[in-house]
């Protein structure tokens, strides 16, 4: 078994907004203190929908990395890199494409959904059809155990697992595998090897999942096994051969509860977003001009918070006491809409302050960002090269 590792990426299509922070970055900051994390700029993925105008990608890349650093992603805890600087992603994508059935790509729910949403673009390209496969390569190349995603991305993770399973089934044919696995069993010692065999039989003959988990836990604790022997025993346990690629798990992240200024999803293209590093006057103006409950035409008209986009911001930014004040004041017309908006403005500015401070050093000296990415690319590339060495060898391309 390979060590636990988290991998996630973002497409560089413009400045990040508060929806990105509450939907993903906040979670990245939490994860980096719990597990080894790799976070990458998915610049090749940006080309799947912006291939006709790639000019936005370079500027957006550097701006986005500064946004990550501003949000609290820490290069001393996480590896930050650019996808296209690790060409092994493309090599694994190509090799996986040789054995991936076309139907698997066509049935990914977001494929047709995105085609309908982006009807103004010509998306009848292999790049667009194959982007879930490139996504799989991005994760499988680091043998990631967990991928933080929203619910809409779960089918992509399931497909990654199927691709990994198929690859191991087709190519995990280590010469003399059975014999090497039996030798590895003996290294467990008589008591443990007997238990391993019993648990293996229970799983393979009766499908006992509990026996499988128990055996895996025992292997994790076995100190005297080399990495390769442990890997062989995991494969032998499940009846498969050598495990070359791992099967990542979806790490479900809570969807951002922060909508756009108009109540719809926050998006730069909808013109309803507040940027992560937006200046104070602009934030104030945007929130003060947010639409409110249409029933409140005059200051004396009572309103209903549930029908007001500002209330959604209070759910994210305000405590119970403030929410009760808003709810009561709105329904009784005891407070005006501008009074209701002020605590939201204050909370957003307070949240942004440390971000602006963290970002400033990178704005003043862009070479710091370049250095962080250069180090991250080196680290990521070494991991990717290790995987590709095994992949080539398994596919008979190691000559």
Protein backbone atom coordinates (compact mmCIF):
# COMPACT_ATOMS: atom_id res chain seq x y z
CA UNK A 1 0.00 0.00 0.00
CA UNK A 2 1.16 3.48 -0.80
CA UNK A 3 1.12 6.32 1.76
CA UNK A 4 -2.03 8.45 2.12
CA UNK A 5 -1.92 11.48 -0.15
CA UNK A 6 -4.40 14.16 -1.22
CA UNK A 7 -4.45 15.61 -4.76
CA UNK A 8 -6.62 18.45 -6.05
CA UNK A 9 -6.45 21.03 -8.83
CA UNK A 10 -8.15 24.16 -10.16
CA UNK A 11 -8.45 25.51 -13.66
CA UNK A 12 -6.90 28.98 -14.16
CA UNK A 13 -9.78 30.86 -15.78
CA UNK A 14 -9.63 34.15 -13.83
CA UNK A 15 -9.35 35.67 -10.35
CA UNK A 16 -10.80 33.54 -7.56
CA UNK A 17 -13.81 34.74 -5.58
CA UNK A 18 -15.25 34.11 -2.12
CA UNK A 19 -17.27 31.15 -3.48
CA UNK A 20 -13.97 29.40 -4.30
CA UNK A 21 -12.71 30.14 -0.80
CA UNK A 22 -15.75 28.73 1.01
CA UNK A 23 -16.19 25.85 -1.47
CA UNK A 24 -12.59 24.59 -1.76
CA UNK A 25 -9.70 26.67 -0.42
CA UNK A 26 -10.88 26.69 3.19
CA UNK A 27 -10.91 22.89 3.01
CA UNK A 28 -7.43 22.76 1.41
CA UNK A 29 -6.05 24.84 4.28
CA UNK A 30 -7.55 22.36 6.77
CA UNK A 31 -6.35 19.26 4.88
CA UNK A 32 -2.73 20.39 4.53
CA UNK A 33 -2.21 20.06 8.30
CA UNK A 34 -3.68 16.53 8.30
CA UNK A 35 -2.17 14.76 5.24
CA UNK A 36 0.50 15.27 2.54
CA UNK A 37 -1.24 17.43 -0.11
CA UNK A 38 -0.49 18.24 -3.75
CA UNK A 39 -2.41 21.18 -5.25
CA UNK A 40 -1.96 21.96 -8.93
CA UNK A 41 -2.89 24.56 -11.52
CA UNK A 42 -4.84 22.59 -14.15
CA UNK A 43 -3.69 24.66 -17.14
CA UNK A 44 -4.17 21.81 -19.64
CA UNK A 45 -7.73 21.42 -18.37
CA UNK A 46 -8.35 25.12 -19.04
CA UNK A 47 -7.56 24.39 -22.70
CA UNK A 48 -10.42 21.86 -22.95
CA UNK A 49 -12.90 24.76 -23.03
CA UNK A 50 -10.62 27.74 -23.86
CA UNK A 51 -8.44 26.17 -26.58
CA UNK A 52 -9.30 28.95 -29.05
CA UNK A 53 -8.08 31.72 -26.71
CA UNK A 54 -5.36 30.51 -24.34
CA UNK A 55 -4.09 34.07 -23.67
CA UNK A 56 -5.92 34.24 -20.33
CA UNK A 57 -4.17 31.17 -18.91
CA UNK A 58 -0.73 32.54 -18.03
CA UNK A 59 -1.92 35.64 -16.15
CA UNK A 60 -4.70 33.68 -14.45
CA UNK A 61 -2.21 31.02 -13.33
CA UNK A 62 -0.02 33.40 -11.34
CA UNK A 63 -3.01 35.33 -9.97
CA UNK A 64 -4.62 32.08 -8.84
CA UNK A 65 -1.49 30.85 -7.04
CA UNK A 66 -1.32 34.19 -5.16
CA UNK A 67 -4.99 33.69 -4.22
CA UNK A 68 -4.15 30.23 -2.86
CA UNK A 69 -1.28 31.62 -0.78
CA UNK A 70 -3.48 34.52 0.37
CA UNK A 71 -6.16 32.05 1.51
CA UNK A 72 -3.63 30.27 3.72
CA UNK A 73 -2.37 27.41 1.55
CA UNK A 74 1.14 26.94 2.94
CA UNK A 75 4.00 25.85 0.62
CA UNK A 76 5.90 24.47 3.61
CA UNK A 77 3.00 22.04 4.22
CA UNK A 78 1.68 21.49 0.66
CA UNK A 79 3.21 20.92 -2.77
CA UNK A 80 2.01 23.56 -5.28
CA UNK A 81 2.75 23.02 -8.97
CA UNK A 82 1.59 23.55 -12.55
CA UNK A 83 0.16 20.56 -14.41
CA UNK A 84 1.91 21.26 -17.75
CA UNK A 85 5.31 21.43 -16.00
CA UNK A 86 4.97 17.73 -15.16
CA UNK A 87 4.76 16.14 -18.64
CA UNK A 88 4.32 12.67 -17.10
CA UNK A 89 0.63 13.59 -16.64
CA UNK A 90 0.30 13.65 -20.45
CA UNK A 91 2.21 10.38 -20.85
CA UNK A 92 -0.01 8.54 -18.37
CA UNK A 93 -3.11 10.09 -19.99
CA UNK A 94 -1.97 8.73 -23.37
CA UNK A 95 -1.20 5.24 -22.04
CA UNK A 96 -4.50 5.03 -20.11
CA UNK A 97 -6.38 6.10 -23.25
CA UNK A 98 -5.20 2.94 -25.03
CA UNK A 99 -7.35 0.74 -22.76
CA UNK A 100 -10.20 3.05 -21.69
CA UNK A 101 -13.53 2.19 -23.38
CA UNK A 102 -15.09 5.14 -25.23
CA UNK A 103 -18.43 4.48 -23.53
CA UNK A 104 -16.90 5.22 -20.12
CA UNK A 105 -16.08 8.77 -21.23
CA UNK A 106 -19.42 9.37 -22.96
CA UNK A 107 -21.43 8.40 -19.88
CA UNK A 108 -19.76 10.89 -17.49
CA UNK A 109 -22.74 13.09 -16.45
CA UNK A 110 -20.85 16.38 -16.71
CA UNK A 111 -19.96 15.67 -20.38
CA UNK A 112 -23.43 16.36 -21.81
CA UNK A 113 -24.25 18.83 -19.05
CA UNK A 114 -21.24 21.04 -19.90
CA UNK A 115 -21.94 20.79 -23.64
CA UNK A 116 -25.40 22.22 -23.02
CA UNK A 117 -24.15 24.93 -20.64
CA UNK A 118 -21.36 26.00 -23.00
CA UNK A 119 -23.42 25.75 -26.19
CA UNK A 120 -21.66 28.86 -27.58
CA UNK A 121 -18.38 26.92 -27.82
CA UNK A 122 -17.42 24.10 -30.17
CA UNK A 123 -16.77 21.28 -27.73
CA UNK A 124 -16.84 18.40 -30.22
CA UNK A 125 -13.14 17.75 -29.52
CA UNK A 126 -11.27 14.75 -28.11
CA UNK A 127 -9.73 17.06 -25.47
CA UNK A 128 -13.19 17.81 -24.08
CA UNK A 129 -14.41 14.20 -24.28
CA UNK A 130 -11.17 12.94 -22.74
CA UNK A 131 -10.80 15.46 -19.92
CA UNK A 132 -12.10 13.00 -17.23
CA UNK A 133 -9.31 10.66 -18.36
CA UNK A 134 -6.71 13.43 -18.02
CA UNK A 135 -8.25 14.13 -14.62
CA UNK A 136 -7.75 10.44 -13.75
CA UNK A 137 -4.10 10.64 -14.84
CA UNK A 138 -3.62 13.76 -12.66
CA UNK A 139 -4.67 11.77 -9.58
CA UNK A 140 -3.44 8.25 -10.37
CA UNK A 141 0.08 9.44 -11.19
CA UNK A 142 0.53 10.42 -7.52
CA UNK A 143 -1.18 7.26 -6.26
CA UNK A 144 -3.44 9.57 -4.29
CA UNK A 145 -5.64 7.97 -1.67
CA UNK A 146 -8.10 10.85 -1.40
CA UNK A 147 -9.47 13.55 -3.69
CA UNK A 148 -11.52 16.42 -2.21
CA UNK A 149 -14.56 16.94 -4.47
CA UNK A 150 -18.13 18.19 -4.48
CA UNK A 151 -21.01 15.77 -5.06
CA UNK A 152 -21.14 16.53 -8.80
CA UNK A 153 -17.60 15.14 -9.20
CA UNK A 154 -18.22 11.74 -7.56
CA UNK A 155 -18.81 10.01 -10.96
CA UNK A 156 -15.33 11.21 -12.02
CA UNK A 157 -13.73 9.59 -8.96
CA UNK A 158 -15.67 6.39 -9.59
CA UNK A 159 -14.33 6.36 -13.14
CA UNK A 160 -10.77 6.88 -11.86
CA UNK A 161 -11.25 3.82 -9.65
CA UNK A 162 -12.52 1.76 -12.62
CA UNK A 163 -9.58 2.88 -14.78
CA UNK A 164 -7.11 1.96 -12.01
CA UNK A 165 -8.80 -1.43 -11.53
CA UNK A 166 -8.75 -2.12 -15.28
CA UNK A 167 -5.09 -1.12 -15.57
CA UNK A 168 -4.05 -3.36 -12.66
CA UNK A 169 -6.07 -6.24 -14.14
CA UNK A 170 -4.51 -5.86 -17.60
CA UNK A 171 -0.92 -5.08 -16.68
CA UNK A 172 -0.29 -6.16 -13.08
CA UNK A 173 1.33 -9.40 -14.23
CA UNK A 174 4.52 -9.53 -12.21
CA UNK A 175 6.61 -12.54 -13.20
CA UNK A 176 6.41 -15.27 -10.53
CA UNK A 177 3.85 -13.21 -8.58
CA UNK A 178 2.20 -16.16 -6.77
CA UNK A 179 5.53 -17.54 -5.61
CA UNK A 180 6.80 -14.12 -4.45
CA UNK A 181 3.52 -13.49 -2.61
CA UNK A 182 3.73 -16.86 -0.80
CA UNK A 183 7.32 -16.03 0.24
CA UNK A 184 6.12 -12.68 1.55
CA UNK A 185 3.40 -14.43 3.61
CA UNK A 186 6.10 -16.45 5.42
CA UNK A 187 7.82 -13.22 6.46
CA UNK A 188 4.76 -12.36 8.58
CA UNK A 189 5.71 -15.07 11.08
CA UNK A 190 3.77 -18.28 11.74
CA UNK A 191 0.91 -16.80 13.76
CA UNK A 192 0.26 -13.85 11.46
CA UNK A 193 0.74 -15.81 8.25
CA UNK A 194 -1.88 -18.34 9.40
CA UNK A 195 -4.34 -15.51 10.21
CA UNK A 196 -3.58 -13.84 6.84
CA UNK A 197 -4.39 -17.06 4.96
CA UNK A 198 -7.63 -17.54 6.91
CA UNK A 199 -8.78 -13.95 6.25
CA UNK A 200 -7.79 -14.24 2.58
CA UNK A 201 -9.89 -17.41 2.23
CA UNK A 202 -12.87 -15.78 3.98
CA UNK A 203 -12.75 -12.83 1.59
CA UNK A 204 -12.11 -14.75 -1.63
CA UNK A 205 -14.55 -17.62 -0.96
CA UNK A 206 -17.32 -15.86 0.99
CA UNK A 207 -16.83 -12.20 -0.03
CA UNK A 208 -16.36 -11.24 3.63
CA UNK A 209 -15.45 -7.50 3.48
CA UNK A 210 -14.73 -7.41 7.22
CA UNK A 211 -12.07 -10.11 6.77
CA UNK A 212 -10.51 -8.03 3.98
CA UNK A 213 -10.33 -4.90 6.18
CA UNK A 214 -8.90 -6.92 9.09
CA UNK A 215 -6.18 -8.38 6.86
CA UNK A 216 -5.33 -4.95 5.45
CA UNK A 217 -5.01 -3.51 8.96
CA UNK A 218 -2.70 -6.40 9.88
CA UNK A 219 -0.48 -5.69 6.86
CA UNK A 220 -0.36 -1.99 7.74
CA UNK A 221 0.98 -2.95 11.18
CA UNK A 222 3.54 -5.46 9.90
CA UNK A 223 6.86 -3.65 10.54
CA UNK A 224 9.20 -6.23 9.01
CA UNK A 225 7.74 -6.11 5.47
CA UNK A 226 9.37 -4.19 2.63
CA UNK A 227 7.15 -1.83 0.62
CA UNK A 228 7.14 -4.19 -2.39
CA UNK A 229 6.24 -7.25 -0.25
CA UNK A 230 3.42 -5.34 1.45
CA UNK A 231 2.12 -4.31 -1.98
CA UNK A 232 2.27 -7.92 -3.22
CA UNK A 233 0.32 -9.14 -0.18
CA UNK A 234 -2.39 -6.53 -0.71
CA UNK A 235 -2.71 -7.74 -4.31
CA UNK A 236 -2.64 -11.42 -3.31
CA UNK A 237 -5.33 -10.77 -0.70
CA UNK A 238 -7.83 -9.48 -3.23
CA UNK A 239 -6.98 -12.08 -5.83
CA UNK A 240 -5.50 -9.47 -8.15
CA UNK A 241 -1.90 -9.32 -9.19
CA UNK A 242 0.56 -6.52 -8.41
CA UNK A 243 -1.15 -3.19 -7.62
CA UNK A 244 0.51 -0.58 -9.84
CA UNK A 245 -2.10 2.17 -9.56
CA UNK A 246 -4.17 2.83 -6.45
CA UNK A 247 -7.93 3.42 -6.27
CA UNK A 248 -8.57 6.91 -4.89
CA UNK A 249 -11.49 7.69 -2.57
CA UNK A 250 -13.73 10.74 -2.92
CA UNK A 251 -13.27 13.05 0.05
CA UNK A 252 -16.63 14.77 0.01
CA UNK A 253 -16.38 18.50 0.68
CA UNK A 254 -19.30 20.59 1.81
CA UNK A 255 -20.68 22.67 -1.05
CA UNK A 256 -20.12 26.40 -0.67
CA UNK A 257 -23.14 27.90 1.05
CA UNK A 258 -22.14 31.32 -0.25
CA UNK A 259 -24.26 32.32 -3.27
CA UNK A 260 -23.63 35.20 -5.64
CA UNK A 261 -24.78 38.74 -4.87
CA UNK A 262 -28.05 38.04 -6.72
CA UNK A 263 -28.78 34.72 -4.97
CA UNK A 264 -27.64 32.59 -7.95
CA UNK A 265 -24.34 30.63 -7.93
CA UNK A 266 -21.36 32.97 -7.46
CA UNK A 267 -19.51 33.26 -10.75
CA UNK A 268 -17.34 35.91 -12.38
CA UNK A 269 -19.13 35.33 -15.69
CA UNK A 270 -22.50 36.12 -14.04
CA UNK A 271 -21.12 39.43 -12.69
CA UNK A 272 -22.31 38.51 -9.17
CA UNK A 273 -18.99 37.69 -7.47
CA UNK A 274 -16.75 39.27 -4.84
CA UNK A 275 -13.09 38.56 -5.60
CA UNK A 276 -10.90 37.06 -2.90
CA UNK A 277 -8.71 40.18 -2.91
CA UNK A 278 -11.23 42.84 -3.88
CA UNK A 279 -10.66 46.35 -2.48
CA UNK A 280 -12.69 47.64 0.44
CA UNK A 281 -14.69 50.33 -1.45
CA UNK A 282 -15.71 47.87 -4.17
CA UNK A 283 -16.86 45.23 -1.63
CA UNK A 284 -18.86 47.85 0.28
CA UNK A 285 -20.53 49.15 -2.88
CA UNK A 286 -21.39 45.65 -4.15
CA UNK A 287 -23.02 44.52 -0.90
CA UNK A 288 -24.86 47.84 -0.38
CA UNK A 289 -26.43 47.52 -3.85
CA UNK A 290 -27.40 43.83 -3.45
CA UNK A 291 -31.06 43.10 -4.30
CA UNK A 292 -33.29 42.41 -1.28
CA UNK A 293 -36.80 41.05 -0.67
CA UNK A 294 -38.90 42.63 -3.49
CA UNK A 295 -41.77 43.12 -0.98
CA UNK A 296 -39.73 45.71 0.91
CA UNK A 297 -40.30 48.66 -1.42
CA UNK A 298 -40.29 51.24 1.39
CA UNK A 299 -38.31 51.31 4.64
CA UNK A 300 -41.55 50.73 6.60
CA UNK A 301 -42.56 47.59 4.64
CA UNK A 302 -41.94 44.31 6.53
CA UNK A 303 -39.89 41.65 4.69
CA UNK A 304 -39.10 37.94 4.68
CA UNK A 305 -35.37 37.05 5.10
CA UNK A 306 -35.89 33.75 3.23
CA UNK A 307 -36.65 35.74 0.06
CA UNK A 308 -33.57 37.95 0.36
CA UNK A 309 -30.08 37.07 -1.00
CA UNK A 310 -28.48 39.03 1.86
CA UNK A 311 -29.86 36.47 4.34
CA UNK A 312 -27.76 33.73 2.67
CA UNK A 313 -24.66 35.81 3.48
CA UNK A 314 -25.79 36.13 7.11
CA UNK A 315 -26.03 32.30 7.26
CA UNK A 316 -22.33 32.12 6.35
CA UNK A 317 -20.94 35.18 8.14
CA UNK A 318 -23.16 35.98 11.15
CA UNK A 319 -23.59 34.34 14.55
CA UNK A 320 -26.96 33.32 16.02
CA UNK A 321 -27.50 36.61 17.85
CA UNK A 322 -26.94 38.66 14.68
CA UNK A 323 -29.24 36.37 12.67
CA UNK A 324 -32.01 36.74 15.24
CA UNK A 325 -31.58 40.53 15.10
CA UNK A 326 -31.83 40.45 11.29
CA UNK A 327 -34.81 38.07 11.24
CA UNK A 328 -36.78 40.06 13.80
CA UNK A 329 -35.82 43.48 12.38
CA UNK A 330 -36.64 42.51 8.78
CA UNK A 331 -40.03 40.95 9.54
CA UNK A 332 -41.09 43.93 11.72
CA UNK A 333 -39.50 46.59 9.47
CA UNK A 334 -37.54 47.54 12.60
CA UNK A 335 -34.31 47.77 10.57
CA UNK A 336 -33.68 48.96 7.02
CA UNK A 337 -31.91 46.95 4.34
CA UNK A 338 -28.70 49.00 4.58
CA UNK A 339 -28.57 48.34 8.35
CA UNK A 340 -29.02 44.62 7.63
CA UNK A 341 -26.16 44.66 5.09
CA UNK A 342 -23.57 46.42 7.28
CA UNK A 343 -22.62 43.36 9.45
CA UNK A 344 -22.10 41.37 6.21
CA UNK A 345 -19.79 44.06 4.82
CA UNK A 346 -17.83 44.13 8.10
CA UNK A 347 -17.52 40.32 8.19
CA UNK A 348 -16.31 40.05 4.57
CA UNK A 349 -13.72 42.80 5.07
CA UNK A 350 -12.53 41.12 8.28
CA UNK A 351 -12.18 37.77 6.46
CA UNK A 352 -10.28 39.41 3.58
CA UNK A 353 -7.84 41.42 5.71
CA UNK A 354 -5.35 38.59 6.48
CA UNK A 355 -5.64 37.45 2.85
CA UNK A 356 -4.65 40.88 1.55
CA UNK A 357 -1.73 40.99 4.00
CA UNK A 358 -0.50 37.50 3.00
CA UNK A 359 -0.78 38.34 -0.71
CA UNK A 360 1.14 41.60 -0.54
CA UNK A 361 4.64 40.10 -0.32
CA UNK A 362 3.97 38.03 -3.45
CA UNK A 363 2.58 41.03 -5.34
CA UNK A 364 5.67 43.04 -4.33
CA UNK A 365 8.04 40.22 -5.33
CA UNK A 366 6.59 37.84 -7.98
CA UNK A 367 9.85 35.83 -7.98
CA UNK A 368 8.74 34.33 -4.62
CA UNK A 369 5.71 32.77 -6.33
CA UNK A 370 7.87 31.46 -9.20
CA UNK A 371 10.26 29.87 -6.68
CA UNK A 372 7.42 28.15 -4.75
CA UNK A 373 6.05 26.70 -8.01
CA UNK A 374 9.51 25.65 -9.26
CA UNK A 375 10.14 23.71 -6.01
CA UNK A 376 6.64 22.20 -6.16
CA UNK A 377 7.10 21.09 -9.77
CA UNK A 378 10.39 19.35 -8.85
CA UNK A 379 8.73 17.50 -5.94
CA UNK A 380 5.68 16.51 -8.00
CA UNK A 381 7.78 15.41 -10.95
CA UNK A 382 9.90 13.03 -8.84
CA UNK A 383 6.72 11.32 -7.55
CA UNK A 384 5.27 11.19 -11.08
CA UNK A 385 8.47 9.69 -12.50
CA UNK A 386 8.40 6.89 -9.89
CA UNK A 387 4.87 5.93 -10.95
CA UNK A 388 5.67 6.13 -14.67
CA UNK A 389 8.68 3.85 -14.22
CA UNK A 390 6.33 1.18 -12.81
CA UNK A 391 3.67 1.86 -15.46
CA UNK A 392 6.13 1.54 -18.36
CA UNK A 393 7.61 -1.62 -16.93
CA UNK A 394 4.14 -3.15 -16.43
CA UNK A 395 3.16 -2.31 -20.01
CA UNK A 396 6.39 -3.73 -21.46
CA UNK A 397 7.75 -0.27 -22.32
CA UNK A 398 10.65 -0.33 -19.87
CA UNK A 399 13.24 -1.43 -22.43
